[in-house]
Amino acid sequence: MVKFIHIADVHLGVTPDTGKPWSKRRQREIWDSFAEVIAAAKSESPDFLFITGDLFHAQPLKKELGEVDALFREIPDTKVLLVVGNHDYLRPKSYYLTYPWADNVYIFKREEAECFDFPEKNAAVYGVSYWRREIRERLYDGLHPADNGRINILLAHGGDDGHIPFSAQRILQNGFDYVAAGHIHRGGWLAEGRAVMAGSLQPVDCNDVGPHGYWMGTLTKAGAQVHFYPIRHCEYCHEAYEVHPKTTERELVEWAGELLEKRPEYQYFRLFLKGRKDPDIVYDLSAIEEMERIVDVTEQLVPDYDYEKLSEEYAGSLLEAYIGRMGRKPQDVRTKKALEYGVNALLGHKL
């Protein structure tokens, strides 16, 4: 049996929410989260720590590798296996290649897939690191384990068209017992009991919604028991407010304030204003945008036009002619949008 912790997309060095008062704090929290994983490994004593790409957000400095290596040395009985991802890929002069790593650290350094064998655990771990930002070839499709008697594990980084596209089911059919994947920041099962996309350890921008953390479990030839463990320094949430023509700025400010008051302090918000508004009103949203933990406010509002009244008011004009012409067309979604956009333009309103 193999016991392991699995993380991916830590992005050490990233500065989330640049320009916000909490940006530097978020940068430190990502390092703190990585240290928390090491603390969990100290406590749980897994056989392996799998890191499936993008440990760093960019090419790491030698000093940064020293910080990471010092943490790895705190868990000498846990073997750390690391594939390098597309963000911190292995340039020819990358410090990844020459750094004197601790004895328990195993880095995949070749441009083709390689394997580290651990006969004492009856396990073999396969992987390939990035040597450029994009790899469009399906490198895992033709990969088969050398010894089917081993517990065969693939560390994969990719999953979209520009970064080693793959099917977890195809990899498992090739003879692997488990796939530990990275690159897609939203984590979850790729194949129940046999393949996990770790997701980013912590969110790195406001579109990385939902909980983030690490995975820990046990693996045999028969299958895996794996569980997710959240780390809650930050969780981005998308929230919407339904606007109507009589909605005031004060209502919007009060809504945002109540949201912050009721929700946990680790939650940060991207807010969306949806619905219909008076076309002559322009909301000043600066009071909301300056609130702590409000990352962004996006308007997705439709002007609440009274087209009959506009036709009367602008009788004899191009606007009246346009409204009349569009009114004689079949009233489907496309026609309604064209009417709305055309009236916007003719009245000089922003889309």
Protein backbone atom coordinates (compact mmCIF):
# COMPACT_ATOMS: atom_id res chain seq x y z
CA MET A 1 0.00 0.00 0.00
CA VAL A 2 1.14 3.54 -0.85
CA LYS A 3 0.17 6.59 1.20
CA PHE A 4 0.49 9.95 -0.53
CA ILE A 5 -0.28 13.66 -0.54
CA HIS A 6 -0.97 15.28 -3.91
CA ILE A 7 -0.78 18.98 -4.76
CA ALA A 8 -0.42 21.04 -7.94
CA ASP A 9 -0.31 24.60 -9.24
CA VAL A 10 1.05 26.20 -6.09
CA HIS A 11 2.35 29.17 -8.11
CA LEU A 12 4.84 30.36 -5.51
CA GLY A 13 5.80 33.95 -6.28
CA VAL A 14 2.48 34.98 -7.82
CA THR A 15 0.94 38.25 -6.62
CA PRO A 16 -2.86 37.82 -6.78
CA ASP A 17 -5.18 40.80 -7.11
CA THR A 18 -2.41 43.22 -8.07
CA GLY A 19 -3.13 46.75 -6.88
CA LYS A 20 -5.44 45.70 -4.07
CA PRO A 21 -4.44 46.47 -0.44
CA TRP A 22 -4.33 42.76 0.40
CA SER A 23 -2.24 41.69 -2.60
CA LYS A 24 1.06 41.22 -0.74
CA ARG A 25 -0.73 39.35 2.03
CA ARG A 26 -2.16 36.93 -0.54
CA GLN A 27 1.33 36.39 -1.94
CA ARG A 28 2.60 35.41 1.53
CA GLU A 29 -0.42 33.18 2.14
CA ILE A 30 0.44 31.06 -0.88
CA TRP A 31 3.86 30.35 0.64
CA ASP A 32 2.16 29.69 3.98
CA SER A 33 -0.20 27.21 2.33
CA PHE A 34 2.72 25.28 0.90
CA ALA A 35 4.32 25.19 4.37
CA GLU A 36 1.01 23.84 5.73
CA VAL A 37 1.19 20.93 3.29
CA ILE A 38 4.69 20.15 4.55
CA ALA A 39 3.35 20.29 8.12
CA ALA A 40 0.61 17.83 7.13
CA ALA A 41 3.27 15.53 5.68
CA LYS A 42 5.20 15.75 8.96
CA SER A 43 2.11 14.76 10.88
CA GLU A 44 0.75 12.08 8.52
CA SER A 45 4.07 10.57 7.30
CA PRO A 46 2.99 9.71 3.74
CA ASP A 47 5.33 7.67 1.57
CA PHE A 48 5.13 10.23 -1.24
CA LEU A 49 4.38 13.89 -1.86
CA PHE A 50 3.35 14.32 -5.50
CA ILE A 51 3.68 17.83 -7.00
CA THR A 52 2.19 17.82 -10.48
CA GLY A 53 3.46 21.02 -12.04
CA ASP A 54 3.69 24.79 -11.61
CA LEU A 55 5.21 24.79 -8.14
CA PHE A 56 6.40 28.30 -9.09
CA HIS A 57 4.53 30.95 -11.05
CA ALA A 58 7.64 31.78 -13.11
CA GLN A 59 11.27 30.75 -13.39
CA PRO A 60 12.40 30.26 -9.77
CA LEU A 61 15.37 32.05 -8.28
CA LYS A 62 18.06 30.00 -6.58
CA LYS A 63 17.01 31.59 -3.28
CA GLU A 64 13.43 30.43 -3.80
CA LEU A 65 14.56 26.88 -4.50
CA GLY A 66 16.54 27.05 -1.26
CA GLU A 67 13.38 27.98 0.65
CA VAL A 68 11.48 25.07 -0.88
CA ASP A 69 14.32 22.60 -0.39
CA ALA A 70 14.58 23.56 3.30
CA LEU A 71 10.93 22.57 3.69
CA PHE A 72 11.50 19.28 1.86
CA ARG A 73 14.34 18.48 4.28
CA GLU A 74 11.82 18.67 7.15
CA ILE A 75 10.12 15.50 5.81
CA PRO A 76 13.11 13.20 5.06
CA ASP A 77 11.01 10.03 5.21
CA THR A 78 8.59 11.28 2.54
CA LYS A 79 9.78 11.02 -1.04
CA VAL A 80 8.96 14.19 -2.97
CA LEU A 81 8.28 13.64 -6.68
CA LEU A 82 7.96 16.78 -8.79
CA VAL A 83 7.15 17.41 -12.44
CA VAL A 84 7.86 20.92 -13.69
CA GLY A 85 4.91 22.63 -15.39
CA ASN A 86 4.43 25.18 -18.14
CA HIS A 87 4.83 28.24 -15.89
CA ASP A 88 8.25 27.32 -14.43
CA TYR A 89 9.37 25.06 -17.29
CA LEU A 90 12.94 23.73 -17.54
CA ARG A 91 14.98 26.23 -19.48
CA PRO A 92 18.52 25.05 -20.34
CA LYS A 93 19.96 27.15 -17.49
CA SER A 94 17.13 26.52 -15.04
CA TYR A 95 18.23 26.30 -11.41
CA TYR A 96 15.95 23.26 -11.16
CA LEU A 97 18.60 21.31 -13.08
CA THR A 98 21.65 22.17 -10.98
CA TYR A 99 20.32 22.79 -7.48
CA PRO A 100 21.68 20.31 -4.85
CA TRP A 101 18.32 18.93 -3.73
CA ALA A 102 17.72 16.94 -0.54
CA ASP A 103 18.07 13.17 -0.89
CA ASN A 104 14.30 12.65 -0.69
CA VAL A 105 13.57 14.88 -3.72
CA TYR A 106 13.06 13.36 -7.18
CA ILE A 107 12.62 15.78 -10.08
CA PHE A 108 11.68 14.67 -13.59
CA LYS A 109 14.34 16.40 -15.69
CA ARG A 110 14.13 14.79 -19.12
CA GLU A 111 12.25 15.97 -22.18
CA GLU A 112 10.67 12.53 -22.47
CA ALA A 113 8.80 10.49 -19.87
CA GLU A 114 10.88 8.79 -17.21
CA CYS A 115 10.23 6.55 -14.22
CA PHE A 116 11.38 6.43 -10.62
CA ASP A 117 11.06 2.93 -9.17
CA PHE A 118 10.51 2.25 -5.47
CA PRO A 119 10.64 -1.53 -5.01
CA GLU A 120 10.32 -1.23 -1.21
CA LYS A 121 6.79 0.12 -1.79
CA ASN A 122 6.16 -1.96 -4.93
CA ALA A 123 5.55 1.37 -6.71
CA ALA A 124 6.74 3.03 -9.91
CA VAL A 125 6.09 6.72 -10.57
CA TYR A 126 6.16 8.10 -14.13
CA GLY A 127 6.19 11.68 -15.32
CA VAL A 128 7.55 14.24 -17.77
CA SER A 129 8.44 17.89 -17.16
CA TYR A 130 7.91 20.82 -19.50
CA TRP A 131 10.86 22.19 -21.44
CA ARG A 132 8.76 24.87 -23.12
CA ARG A 133 5.59 26.80 -22.34
CA GLU A 134 3.32 24.75 -24.57
CA ILE A 135 3.30 21.06 -25.43
CA ARG A 136 0.47 20.17 -27.79
CA GLU A 137 1.44 16.53 -28.32
CA ARG A 138 -0.52 13.84 -26.47
CA LEU A 139 2.58 12.51 -24.71
CA TYR A 140 0.74 10.24 -22.30
CA ASP A 141 -1.28 8.32 -24.89
CA GLY A 142 1.59 6.02 -25.84
CA LEU A 143 2.98 5.59 -22.34
CA HIS A 144 2.74 2.13 -20.76
CA PRO A 145 4.21 1.00 -17.44
CA ALA A 146 7.16 -1.39 -17.67
CA ASP A 147 6.04 -3.73 -14.87
CA ASN A 148 2.34 -4.37 -14.39
CA GLY A 149 3.07 -5.95 -11.02
CA ARG A 150 4.01 -2.57 -9.59
CA ILE A 151 1.55 0.07 -8.36
CA ASN A 152 2.02 2.31 -11.40
CA ILE A 153 1.36 6.03 -10.97
CA LEU A 154 1.50 8.77 -13.59
CA LEU A 155 2.15 12.39 -12.61
CA ALA A 156 0.51 14.40 -15.40
CA HIS A 157 0.47 18.16 -16.03
CA GLY A 158 -1.92 19.28 -18.75
CA GLY A 159 -5.41 18.65 -19.98
CA ASP A 160 -6.12 21.42 -22.51
CA ASP A 161 -5.23 21.84 -26.19
CA GLY A 162 -1.96 23.70 -25.54
CA HIS A 163 -0.70 21.67 -22.60
CA ILE A 164 -0.46 17.90 -23.16
CA PRO A 165 -4.08 17.01 -23.88
CA PHE A 166 -5.01 13.71 -22.24
CA SER A 167 -7.81 11.39 -21.27
CA ALA A 168 -7.52 9.88 -17.79
CA GLN A 169 -9.48 6.85 -19.00
CA ARG A 170 -6.98 6.26 -21.82
CA ILE A 171 -4.05 6.44 -19.40
CA LEU A 172 -5.72 3.95 -17.05
CA GLN A 173 -6.41 1.62 -19.98
CA ASN A 174 -2.67 1.73 -20.76
CA GLY A 175 -2.03 -0.04 -17.46
CA PHE A 176 -1.61 2.74 -14.91
CA ASP A 177 -3.25 2.30 -11.53
CA TYR A 178 -3.53 5.98 -10.68
CA VAL A 179 -3.24 9.42 -12.33
CA ALA A 180 -2.22 12.42 -10.21
CA ALA A 181 -2.81 15.45 -12.43
CA GLY A 182 -2.27 19.20 -12.38
CA HIS A 183 -2.70 22.35 -14.55
CA ILE A 184 -6.48 22.89 -14.36
CA HIS A 185 -7.03 25.09 -11.30
CA ARG A 186 -10.43 23.66 -10.42
CA GLY A 187 -9.79 20.29 -8.82
CA GLY A 188 -11.80 17.08 -8.72
CA TRP A 189 -12.02 13.48 -9.80
CA LEU A 190 -11.16 12.66 -13.42
CA ALA A 191 -11.98 8.97 -12.95
CA GLU A 192 -13.63 7.95 -9.70
CA GLY A 193 -11.13 6.28 -7.38
CA ARG A 194 -8.29 6.28 -9.90
CA ALA A 195 -7.50 9.81 -11.17
CA VAL A 196 -7.54 13.27 -9.56
CA MET A 197 -6.94 16.77 -10.91
CA ALA A 198 -5.52 18.44 -7.80
CA GLY A 199 -6.55 21.99 -8.65
CA SER A 200 -4.45 24.91 -7.46
CA LEU A 201 -3.36 24.71 -3.83
CA GLN A 202 -4.73 28.23 -3.36
CA PRO A 203 -6.61 30.37 -5.89
CA VAL A 204 -4.36 32.68 -7.89
CA ASP A 205 -7.04 34.94 -9.37
CA CYS A 206 -10.69 35.78 -8.86
CA ASN A 207 -11.86 33.22 -11.41
CA ASP A 208 -10.45 30.33 -9.35
CA VAL A 209 -13.70 30.00 -7.45
CA GLY A 210 -14.56 27.52 -4.72
CA PRO A 211 -12.42 25.68 -2.14
CA HIS A 212 -8.76 24.83 -2.74
CA GLY A 213 -6.30 22.64 -0.89
CA TYR A 214 -4.55 19.27 -1.09
CA TRP A 215 -5.48 15.62 -1.57
CA MET A 216 -4.33 12.76 0.63
CA GLY A 217 -5.00 9.05 0.43
CA THR A 218 -3.85 5.48 0.03
CA LEU A 219 -3.39 3.43 -3.11
CA THR A 220 -3.19 -0.28 -3.87
CA LYS A 221 -3.50 -2.30 -7.07
CA ALA A 222 -7.20 -2.60 -6.28
CA GLY A 223 -7.87 1.15 -6.16
CA ALA A 224 -7.52 4.31 -4.08
CA GLN A 225 -9.09 5.97 -1.06
CA VAL A 226 -8.45 9.69 -1.52
CA HIS A 227 -9.88 12.73 0.26
CA PHE A 228 -9.70 16.48 -0.24
CA TYR A 229 -8.42 18.76 2.56
CA PRO A 230 -9.20 22.46 2.13
CA ILE A 231 -6.76 25.23 3.10
CA ARG A 232 -8.81 28.35 3.68
CA HIS A 233 -6.59 31.40 3.42
CA CYS A 234 -8.65 32.59 0.47
CA GLU A 235 -11.75 31.49 -1.40
CA TYR A 236 -13.08 33.53 -4.30
CA CYS A 237 -16.86 33.77 -4.70
CA HIS A 238 -18.98 35.15 -7.53
CA GLU A 239 -22.18 36.82 -6.34
CA ALA A 240 -24.93 38.54 -8.36
CA TYR A 241 -27.45 41.27 -7.53
CA GLU A 242 -30.67 41.56 -9.52
CA VAL A 243 -30.99 45.24 -10.50
CA HIS A 244 -34.30 46.85 -11.53
CA PRO A 245 -34.92 50.36 -12.95
CA LYS A 246 -35.47 51.89 -9.51
CA THR A 247 -32.38 50.34 -7.85
CA THR A 248 -30.27 52.97 -6.11
CA GLU A 249 -26.53 53.15 -5.45
CA ARG A 250 -27.29 53.03 -1.74
CA GLU A 251 -29.02 49.65 -2.16
CA LEU A 252 -25.98 48.27 -3.96
CA VAL A 253 -23.55 49.53 -1.31
CA GLU A 254 -25.70 48.08 1.47
CA TRP A 255 -25.88 44.73 -0.31
CA ALA A 256 -22.11 44.53 -0.68
CA GLY A 257 -21.58 45.55 2.95
CA GLU A 258 -24.03 42.93 4.26
CA LEU A 259 -22.35 40.28 2.11
CA LEU A 260 -18.96 41.04 3.68
CA GLU A 261 -20.44 41.09 7.17
CA LYS A 262 -22.19 37.73 6.88
CA ARG A 263 -19.56 35.70 5.06
CA PRO A 264 -16.27 34.27 6.44
CA GLU A 265 -13.21 36.52 6.34
CA TYR A 266 -11.33 34.18 4.00
CA GLN A 267 -13.88 34.77 1.22
CA TYR A 268 -13.17 37.40 -1.46
CA PHE A 269 -15.78 38.53 -3.94
CA ARG A 270 -16.29 39.28 -7.59
CA LEU A 271 -19.69 40.97 -7.84
CA PHE A 272 -22.02 41.01 -10.84
CA LEU A 273 -24.90 43.42 -11.37
CA LYS A 274 -27.54 41.79 -13.55
CA GLY A 275 -30.99 42.82 -14.72
CA ARG A 276 -32.45 46.04 -16.16
CA LYS A 277 -31.66 49.66 -15.29
CA ASP A 278 -32.84 53.13 -16.17
CA PRO A 279 -30.80 53.97 -19.31
CA ASP A 280 -30.14 57.51 -18.04
CA ILE A 281 -28.55 56.32 -14.76
CA VAL A 282 -24.81 55.65 -14.43
CA TYR A 283 -23.87 53.96 -11.17
CA ASP A 284 -20.77 55.17 -9.30
CA LEU A 285 -19.45 51.88 -7.92
CA SER A 286 -16.24 53.24 -6.38
CA ALA A 287 -17.58 52.89 -2.81
CA ILE A 288 -18.03 49.15 -3.38
CA GLU A 289 -14.77 48.68 -5.29
CA GLU A 290 -12.84 50.21 -2.39
CA MET A 291 -14.25 47.76 0.16
CA GLU A 292 -11.95 45.14 1.69
CA ARG A 293 -12.22 41.76 -0.09
CA ILE A 294 -14.16 43.13 -3.08
CA VAL A 295 -11.96 42.22 -6.05
CA ASP A 296 -14.16 43.44 -8.89
CA VAL A 297 -17.64 44.74 -9.73
CA THR A 298 -18.95 43.93 -13.20
CA GLU A 299 -22.09 45.45 -14.70
CA GLN A 300 -24.13 43.13 -16.93
CA LEU A 301 -27.17 45.39 -17.19
CA VAL A 302 -29.70 45.89 -19.95
CA PRO A 303 -31.23 49.38 -20.48
CA ASP A 304 -34.94 49.37 -19.64
CA TYR A 305 -36.14 51.17 -22.79
CA ASP A 306 -39.77 52.07 -23.46
CA TYR A 307 -39.52 51.78 -27.26
CA GLU A 308 -43.04 53.16 -27.89
CA LYS A 309 -42.29 56.24 -25.82
CA LEU A 310 -38.91 56.71 -27.54
CA SER A 311 -40.59 56.55 -30.96
CA GLU A 312 -43.01 59.29 -29.96
CA GLU A 313 -40.28 61.43 -28.42
CA TYR A 314 -38.01 61.11 -31.46
CA ALA A 315 -40.73 61.22 -34.16
CA GLY A 316 -39.31 61.80 -37.61
CA SER A 317 -35.77 60.86 -36.62
CA LEU A 318 -33.45 58.01 -37.56
CA LEU A 319 -34.13 56.55 -34.10
CA GLU A 320 -37.87 56.31 -34.76
CA ALA A 321 -37.22 54.73 -38.17
CA TYR A 322 -34.81 52.19 -36.67
CA ILE A 323 -37.23 51.15 -33.91
CA GLY A 324 -40.03 50.80 -36.47
CA ARG A 325 -37.91 48.75 -38.87
CA MET A 326 -36.75 46.37 -36.12
CA GLY A 327 -40.33 46.05 -34.85
CA ARG A 328 -41.40 44.62 -38.22
CA LYS A 329 -38.81 41.83 -38.08
CA PRO A 330 -39.44 38.40 -36.46
CA GLN A 331 -39.11 39.00 -32.71
CA ASP A 332 -36.42 36.49 -31.77
CA VAL A 333 -33.43 36.93 -29.45
CA ARG A 334 -31.20 38.26 -32.25
CA THR A 335 -33.71 40.94 -33.25
CA LYS A 336 -34.20 42.08 -29.66
CA LYS A 337 -30.44 42.36 -29.10
CA ALA A 338 -29.99 44.27 -32.37
CA LEU A 339 -32.75 46.67 -31.33
CA GLU A 340 -31.18 47.22 -27.93
CA TYR A 341 -27.66 47.75 -29.32
CA GLY A 342 -28.85 50.03 -32.09
CA VAL A 343 -30.86 52.24 -29.73
CA ASN A 344 -27.87 52.33 -27.38
CA ALA A 345 -25.67 53.59 -30.19
CA LEU A 346 -28.14 56.12 -31.50
CA LEU A 347 -28.71 57.56 -28.01
CA GLY A 348 -24.99 57.59 -27.26
CA HIS A 349 -25.21 55.16 -24.33
CA LYS A 350 -22.40 52.77 -23.47
CA LEU A 351 -23.00 49.13 -24.36
